[in-house]
Amino acid sequence: MRRRKNPIPLLLMGIVGMILLFLFVSVLGSGEGDSPEQVIEEFYDYERKGDFGNSWELFHSEMKKKFGKASYVQTKNHVFLGHMGVDSFEVEVGDIEEIEDFEFSKDGPTFKDVRSAKVDLLFDSQFGEMTISQICYVAREKNEWKILWDYDF
């Protein structure tokens, strides 16, 4: 007489394996999120595509105080697409540098643990080839890197 094997241990091992796999993936995915480089690249990728609404979403709250979303989108469309006659542009992001203290504007605030990179925007416009260079800053807000520009003038 042949003895039938009990499927319960095999089933339990499968369930435990699935739970461990889920926990492993969750731990890997719960890191600090995007790196400063990734956030800058994502921001300017949206800008390059003319998706100024999504690029605005990556602004730090201090930047959002400077630009309302509708105003930012309208102004960017007006200047880049309207006046300059640009459909798209190329972006070159330089090396990321660490900055200990970054003063956003004359009135503050000052941020600690900031990263920066020089960003070149390369346009083929109705005015010929143009390059706009800008230093882009990123600072943590609610554990996410967010875009800042320098208004300390």
Protein backbone atom coordinates (compact mmCIF):
# COMPACT_ATOMS: atom_id res chain seq x y z
CA MET A 1 0.00 0.00 0.00
CA ARG A 2 1.30 3.37 -1.06
CA ARG A 3 1.08 6.20 1.41
CA ARG A 4 -0.26 9.51 0.14
CA LYS A 5 1.84 12.60 0.91
CA ASN A 6 0.24 15.43 2.84
CA PRO A 7 0.17 18.63 0.67
CA ILE A 8 -0.13 20.97 3.67
CA PRO A 9 3.64 21.30 4.44
CA LEU A 10 4.34 22.10 0.79
CA LEU A 11 1.52 24.63 0.75
CA LEU A 12 2.79 26.27 3.96
CA MET A 13 6.32 26.51 2.55
CA GLY A 14 4.92 28.23 -0.53
CA ILE A 15 2.96 30.74 1.53
CA VAL A 16 5.94 31.49 3.78
CA GLY A 17 8.12 31.90 0.69
CA MET A 18 5.65 34.38 -0.84
CA ILE A 19 5.51 36.37 2.41
CA LEU A 20 9.32 36.52 2.62
CA LEU A 21 9.55 37.61 -1.02
CA PHE A 22 6.96 40.35 -0.40
CA LEU A 23 8.85 41.59 2.68
CA PHE A 24 12.15 41.55 0.81
CA VAL A 25 10.73 43.61 -2.07
CA SER A 26 9.04 46.00 0.38
CA VAL A 27 12.29 46.63 2.27
CA LEU A 28 14.19 47.28 -0.96
CA GLY A 29 11.48 49.62 -2.21
CA SER A 30 11.22 51.60 1.02
CA GLY A 31 14.57 53.35 0.69
CA GLU A 32 14.98 57.07 0.43
CA GLY A 33 13.19 57.20 -2.90
CA ASP A 34 14.70 58.88 -5.89
CA SER A 35 18.24 60.19 -5.71
CA PRO A 36 18.98 63.90 -6.24
CA GLU A 37 20.24 63.07 -9.73
CA GLN A 38 17.04 61.22 -10.60
CA VAL A 39 14.84 64.08 -9.40
CA ILE A 40 16.78 66.65 -11.41
CA GLU A 41 16.69 64.42 -14.50
CA GLU A 42 12.96 63.81 -14.05
CA PHE A 43 12.23 67.52 -13.57
CA TYR A 44 14.07 68.56 -16.73
CA ASP A 45 12.68 65.62 -18.69
CA TYR A 46 9.19 66.97 -17.96
CA GLU A 47 10.37 70.48 -18.87
CA ARG A 48 11.91 69.21 -22.11
CA LYS A 49 8.61 67.59 -23.09
CA GLY A 50 6.64 70.74 -22.27
CA ASP A 51 4.93 68.97 -19.34
CA PHE A 52 5.31 71.93 -17.00
CA GLY A 53 2.50 70.77 -14.71
CA ASN A 54 4.38 67.61 -13.74
CA SER A 55 7.69 69.46 -13.43
CA TRP A 56 5.98 71.94 -11.06
CA GLU A 57 4.94 69.00 -8.87
CA LEU A 58 8.64 68.30 -8.20
CA PHE A 59 9.20 71.79 -6.76
CA HIS A 60 9.94 72.26 -3.07
CA SER A 61 7.10 74.03 -1.23
CA GLU A 62 9.22 77.21 -1.13
CA MET A 63 9.29 77.20 -4.94
CA LYS A 64 5.55 76.58 -5.08
CA LYS A 65 5.10 79.77 -3.02
CA LYS A 66 6.93 81.67 -5.79
CA PHE A 67 4.91 80.13 -8.62
CA GLY A 68 1.32 78.98 -8.58
CA LYS A 69 0.93 75.91 -10.77
CA ALA A 70 -1.34 77.54 -13.39
CA SER A 71 0.89 80.61 -13.59
CA TYR A 72 4.05 78.51 -13.94
CA VAL A 73 2.57 76.35 -16.69
CA GLN A 74 1.18 79.35 -18.57
CA THR A 75 4.40 81.38 -18.31
CA LYS A 76 6.64 78.49 -19.36
CA ASN A 77 4.40 77.71 -22.33
CA HIS A 78 4.27 81.38 -23.28
CA VAL A 79 8.02 81.99 -23.07
CA PHE A 80 9.46 78.73 -24.38
CA LEU A 81 6.83 77.58 -26.82
CA GLY A 82 5.41 80.97 -27.77
CA HIS A 83 8.22 83.54 -27.82
CA MET A 84 11.15 81.26 -28.48
CA GLY A 85 9.33 78.97 -30.91
CA VAL A 86 10.73 75.85 -29.23
CA ASP A 87 9.00 72.48 -29.30
CA SER A 88 11.64 70.70 -27.26
CA PHE A 89 15.24 71.11 -26.12
CA GLU A 90 18.17 69.04 -24.94
CA VAL A 91 19.30 68.94 -21.34
CA GLU A 92 22.78 68.31 -19.94
CA VAL A 93 23.06 67.80 -16.18
CA GLY A 94 26.49 68.26 -14.62
CA ASP A 95 27.97 66.52 -11.61
CA ILE A 96 26.09 66.62 -8.33
CA GLU A 97 27.77 68.58 -5.54
CA GLU A 98 26.97 68.57 -1.83
CA ILE A 99 26.19 71.89 -0.17
CA GLU A 100 26.05 72.21 3.61
CA ASP A 101 24.06 75.44 3.79
CA PHE A 102 21.89 76.84 1.02
CA GLU A 103 20.10 80.15 1.48
CA PHE A 104 17.03 80.12 -0.75
CA SER A 105 16.45 83.88 -0.76
CA LYS A 106 17.40 87.01 1.15
CA ASP A 107 14.41 86.37 3.40
CA GLY A 108 15.28 82.71 3.95
CA PRO A 109 14.95 79.91 4.61
CA THR A 110 18.36 78.27 4.84
CA PHE A 111 18.54 74.57 4.01
CA LYS A 112 21.01 71.96 5.24
CA ASP A 113 22.12 68.92 3.26
CA VAL A 114 21.44 70.27 -0.22
CA ARG A 115 22.70 69.00 -3.56
CA SER A 116 23.29 71.06 -6.67
CA ALA A 117 24.12 70.54 -10.33
CA LYS A 118 24.74 72.84 -13.25
CA VAL A 119 22.07 72.27 -15.88
CA ASP A 120 22.43 73.41 -19.50
CA LEU A 121 19.31 73.74 -21.62
CA LEU A 122 20.20 73.61 -25.34
CA PHE A 123 17.63 75.20 -27.67
CA ASP A 124 17.22 75.33 -31.42
CA SER A 125 14.99 78.38 -31.44
CA GLN A 126 13.75 80.94 -33.90
CA PHE A 127 16.68 83.04 -32.63
CA GLY A 128 19.24 80.34 -33.46
CA GLU A 129 21.03 77.94 -31.16
CA MET A 130 20.91 79.05 -27.54
CA THR A 131 22.07 77.64 -24.23
CA ILE A 132 20.63 78.59 -20.87
CA SER A 133 22.69 77.50 -17.88
CA GLN A 134 21.15 77.22 -14.46
CA ILE A 135 22.23 75.82 -11.12
CA CYS A 136 19.54 73.48 -9.89
CA TYR A 137 19.31 72.65 -6.19
CA VAL A 138 17.53 69.82 -4.44
CA ALA A 139 16.63 69.65 -0.77
CA ARG A 140 14.71 67.11 1.26
CA GLU A 141 11.09 67.77 2.05
CA LYS A 142 9.09 65.03 3.78
CA ASN A 143 11.92 62.60 2.99
CA GLU A 144 11.84 63.34 -0.76
CA TRP A 145 14.26 65.37 -2.83
CA LYS A 146 12.56 68.51 -4.22
CA ILE A 147 13.71 71.13 -6.73
CA LEU A 148 14.87 74.62 -5.69
CA TRP A 149 16.36 77.53 -7.59
CA ASP A 150 18.48 80.29 -6.10
CA TYR A 151 16.64 83.52 -5.22
CA ASP A 152 19.31 84.88 -2.84
CA PHE A 153 19.81 88.16 -4.71
